[in-house]
Amino acid sequence: MIPDRPLSTKKLVTDAFLCALLFISQVSLSWLPNVELVSLFLILYTLVFGRHVWMILYVFVLLEGFFWGIGIWWFSYLYVWAVIPAAIFLLYKKNCPSPFSAALLSGTFGMLFGLLSSLPTILTGGLAAAFVWWTAGIPFDILHGMGNFTVTLILFKPLYQLLTRLRQHQS
């Protein structure tokens, strides 16, 4: 949880490291269509580091804009990626989900990513354009959902344990 006092150097460095891991994982897998670790990391960061996830997430979004360029897609990142931490806070509060539950959440998010990302297109091209944009990407959303589910199912438990140990050493 973010304290009322300024962040300690150790916590700030940890947040920077976690953000770098998020960004590097996204960029390094960008050659695969809609296969990413960002969803899994956001689930884990929310569970282990609580509200620190928001700073990590929005620095990541800024880095994405600097690296790839700011386009209409970037504005959707301001809210789309926030869906995962919000869902974890609402659904699990202080409990840790099972690997299957986390995988189900991650997979569902992947399937809905295109729909959620199409919303800014309503402002620029209208509802019909947003619908066309979303439906054209459905095959990629299916891959995204399947990839998220699989990666989360396999990596959730070991990464959760690793990040929990990091958090304990941070205190």
Protein backbone atom coordinates (compact mmCIF):
# COMPACT_ATOMS: atom_id res chain seq x y z
CA MET A 1 0.00 0.00 0.00
CA ILE A 2 1.18 3.52 -0.72
CA PRO A 3 1.98 5.24 2.57
CA ASP A 4 0.95 8.81 3.38
CA ARG A 5 4.63 9.69 3.68
CA PRO A 6 7.00 9.90 0.70
CA LEU A 7 8.18 6.66 -0.85
CA SER A 8 11.40 5.22 0.47
CA THR A 9 14.27 4.85 -1.95
CA LYS A 10 13.96 1.07 -1.72
CA LYS A 11 10.26 1.11 -2.65
CA LEU A 12 10.83 3.60 -5.45
CA VAL A 13 13.61 1.45 -6.92
CA THR A 14 11.40 -1.65 -6.61
CA ASP A 15 8.57 0.12 -8.44
CA ALA A 16 10.99 1.25 -11.16
CA PHE A 17 12.33 -2.29 -11.52
CA LEU A 18 8.79 -3.74 -11.77
CA CYS A 19 7.84 -1.12 -14.36
CA ALA A 20 10.96 -1.89 -16.39
CA LEU A 21 10.13 -5.60 -16.23
CA LEU A 22 6.62 -4.84 -17.47
CA PHE A 23 7.88 -2.69 -20.34
CA ILE A 24 10.72 -5.01 -21.38
CA SER A 25 8.41 -8.03 -21.35
CA GLN A 26 5.95 -6.20 -23.61
CA VAL A 27 8.57 -4.97 -26.08
CA SER A 28 10.46 -8.28 -26.20
CA LEU A 29 7.28 -10.22 -27.08
CA SER A 30 5.89 -7.63 -29.48
CA TRP A 31 6.84 -9.74 -32.49
CA LEU A 32 4.23 -12.34 -31.42
CA PRO A 33 0.63 -11.38 -32.25
CA ASN A 34 -1.10 -10.42 -29.00
CA VAL A 35 1.06 -12.59 -26.75
CA GLU A 36 2.09 -10.61 -23.70
CA LEU A 37 3.00 -10.89 -20.03
CA VAL A 38 1.62 -7.48 -19.05
CA SER A 39 -1.74 -8.89 -17.96
CA LEU A 40 -0.10 -11.50 -15.74
CA PHE A 41 2.31 -8.98 -14.23
CA LEU A 42 -0.52 -6.53 -13.49
CA ILE A 43 -2.45 -9.27 -11.70
CA LEU A 44 0.63 -10.19 -9.67
CA TYR A 45 1.67 -6.60 -8.93
CA THR A 46 -1.83 -5.80 -7.69
CA LEU A 47 -1.92 -8.84 -5.43
CA VAL A 48 1.57 -8.40 -4.02
CA PHE A 49 2.18 -4.63 -4.06
CA GLY A 50 -1.37 -3.27 -3.75
CA ARG A 51 -1.86 0.35 -4.74
CA HIS A 52 1.72 0.63 -5.99
CA VAL A 53 0.39 -1.00 -9.15
CA TRP A 54 -1.08 2.34 -10.25
CA MET A 55 2.28 4.12 -10.35
CA ILE A 56 3.89 1.14 -12.08
CA LEU A 57 1.04 0.94 -14.60
CA TYR A 58 0.97 4.59 -15.60
CA VAL A 59 4.75 4.88 -15.92
CA PHE A 60 4.48 1.80 -18.18
CA VAL A 61 1.79 3.52 -20.28
CA LEU A 62 3.96 6.63 -20.62
CA LEU A 63 6.92 4.49 -21.68
CA GLU A 64 4.71 2.79 -24.27
CA GLY A 65 3.79 6.17 -25.72
CA PHE A 66 7.41 7.34 -25.80
CA PHE A 67 8.61 4.09 -27.39
CA TRP A 68 5.85 3.35 -29.92
CA GLY A 69 4.56 6.90 -30.44
CA ILE A 70 1.31 8.33 -29.19
CA GLY A 71 -1.62 7.42 -31.39
CA ILE A 72 -5.30 6.77 -30.76
CA TRP A 73 -4.40 3.31 -29.44
CA TRP A 74 -2.34 4.95 -26.67
CA PHE A 75 -5.33 6.77 -25.20
CA SER A 76 -7.08 3.45 -24.72
CA TYR A 77 -4.08 2.21 -22.70
CA LEU A 78 -4.90 4.88 -20.11
CA TYR A 79 -8.01 2.94 -19.11
CA VAL A 80 -7.79 -0.55 -20.68
CA TRP A 81 -4.82 -1.76 -18.61
CA ALA A 82 -6.44 -0.33 -15.47
CA VAL A 83 -9.24 -2.90 -15.85
CA ILE A 84 -7.03 -5.69 -14.49
CA PRO A 85 -5.97 -4.05 -11.20
CA ALA A 86 -9.51 -2.75 -10.71
CA ALA A 87 -10.92 -6.26 -11.22
CA ILE A 88 -8.40 -7.74 -8.77
CA PHE A 89 -9.22 -5.10 -6.14
CA LEU A 90 -12.95 -5.70 -6.60
CA LEU A 91 -12.98 -9.48 -6.90
CA TYR A 92 -10.23 -10.63 -4.59
CA LYS A 93 -9.67 -7.80 -2.12
CA LYS A 94 -6.99 -9.35 0.12
CA ASN A 95 -7.35 -12.96 -1.03
CA CYS A 96 -5.11 -14.56 -3.60
CA PRO A 97 -6.95 -16.25 -6.47
CA SER A 98 -6.08 -19.74 -7.59
CA PRO A 99 -3.89 -20.00 -10.69
CA PHE A 100 -6.97 -21.11 -12.64
CA SER A 101 -9.03 -18.10 -11.47
CA ALA A 102 -6.19 -15.73 -12.33
CA ALA A 103 -5.83 -17.41 -15.75
CA LEU A 104 -9.56 -17.09 -16.35
CA LEU A 105 -9.45 -13.37 -15.53
CA SER A 106 -6.39 -12.84 -17.72
CA GLY A 107 -7.90 -14.81 -20.61
CA THR A 108 -11.20 -12.93 -20.39
CA PHE A 109 -9.32 -9.64 -20.39
CA GLY A 110 -7.43 -10.71 -23.51
CA MET A 111 -10.70 -11.58 -25.26
CA LEU A 112 -12.16 -8.17 -24.36
CA PHE A 113 -9.03 -6.13 -25.10
CA GLY A 114 -10.08 -5.20 -28.64
CA LEU A 115 -13.58 -4.22 -27.58
CA LEU A 116 -12.27 -2.01 -24.78
CA SER A 117 -9.59 -0.54 -27.06
CA SER A 118 -12.11 0.37 -29.75
CA LEU A 119 -13.89 2.96 -27.59
CA PRO A 120 -11.73 5.98 -28.63
CA THR A 121 -12.62 5.17 -32.25
CA ILE A 122 -16.21 6.15 -31.44
CA LEU A 123 -14.98 9.71 -30.96
CA THR A 124 -12.93 9.81 -34.14
CA GLY A 125 -14.98 7.70 -36.54
CA GLY A 126 -18.33 7.00 -34.94
CA LEU A 127 -19.96 3.87 -33.58
CA ALA A 128 -19.88 2.04 -36.93
CA ALA A 129 -16.12 2.60 -37.30
CA ALA A 130 -15.49 1.37 -33.75
CA PHE A 131 -17.59 -1.73 -34.43
CA VAL A 132 -15.71 -2.49 -37.65
CA TRP A 133 -12.37 -1.90 -35.96
CA TRP A 134 -13.29 -4.21 -33.06
CA THR A 135 -14.75 -7.03 -35.19
CA ALA A 136 -11.76 -6.98 -37.55
CA GLY A 137 -9.54 -7.70 -34.56
CA ILE A 138 -11.55 -10.57 -33.08
CA PRO A 139 -9.13 -13.27 -34.32
CA PHE A 140 -6.31 -11.42 -32.53
CA ASP A 141 -8.46 -11.10 -29.39
CA ILE A 142 -9.00 -14.86 -29.42
CA LEU A 143 -5.23 -15.39 -29.63
CA HIS A 144 -4.75 -12.79 -26.93
CA GLY A 145 -7.20 -14.53 -24.61
CA MET A 146 -5.75 -17.98 -25.21
CA GLY A 147 -2.19 -16.71 -24.75
CA ASN A 148 -3.07 -14.85 -21.54
CA PHE A 149 -4.88 -17.87 -20.11
CA THR A 150 -2.02 -20.25 -20.88
CA VAL A 151 0.80 -17.99 -19.71
CA THR A 152 -1.02 -17.10 -16.49
CA LEU A 153 -1.93 -20.70 -15.73
CA ILE A 154 1.71 -21.77 -16.09
CA LEU A 155 3.56 -18.80 -14.54
CA PHE A 156 1.16 -17.44 -11.90
CA LYS A 157 2.21 -19.55 -8.93
CA PRO A 158 6.02 -19.38 -9.35
CA LEU A 159 5.99 -15.64 -10.11
CA TYR A 160 3.62 -14.95 -7.21
CA GLN A 161 6.00 -16.73 -4.84
CA LEU A 162 8.98 -14.85 -6.27
CA LEU A 163 7.31 -11.44 -6.00
CA THR A 164 6.07 -12.22 -2.49
CA ARG A 165 9.66 -12.90 -1.43
CA LEU A 166 10.75 -9.64 -3.08
CA ARG A 167 8.08 -7.77 -1.13
CA GLN A 168 9.20 -9.39 2.13
CA HIS A 169 12.80 -8.33 1.51
CA GLN A 170 11.59 -4.85 0.68
CA SER A 171 10.05 -4.35 4.13
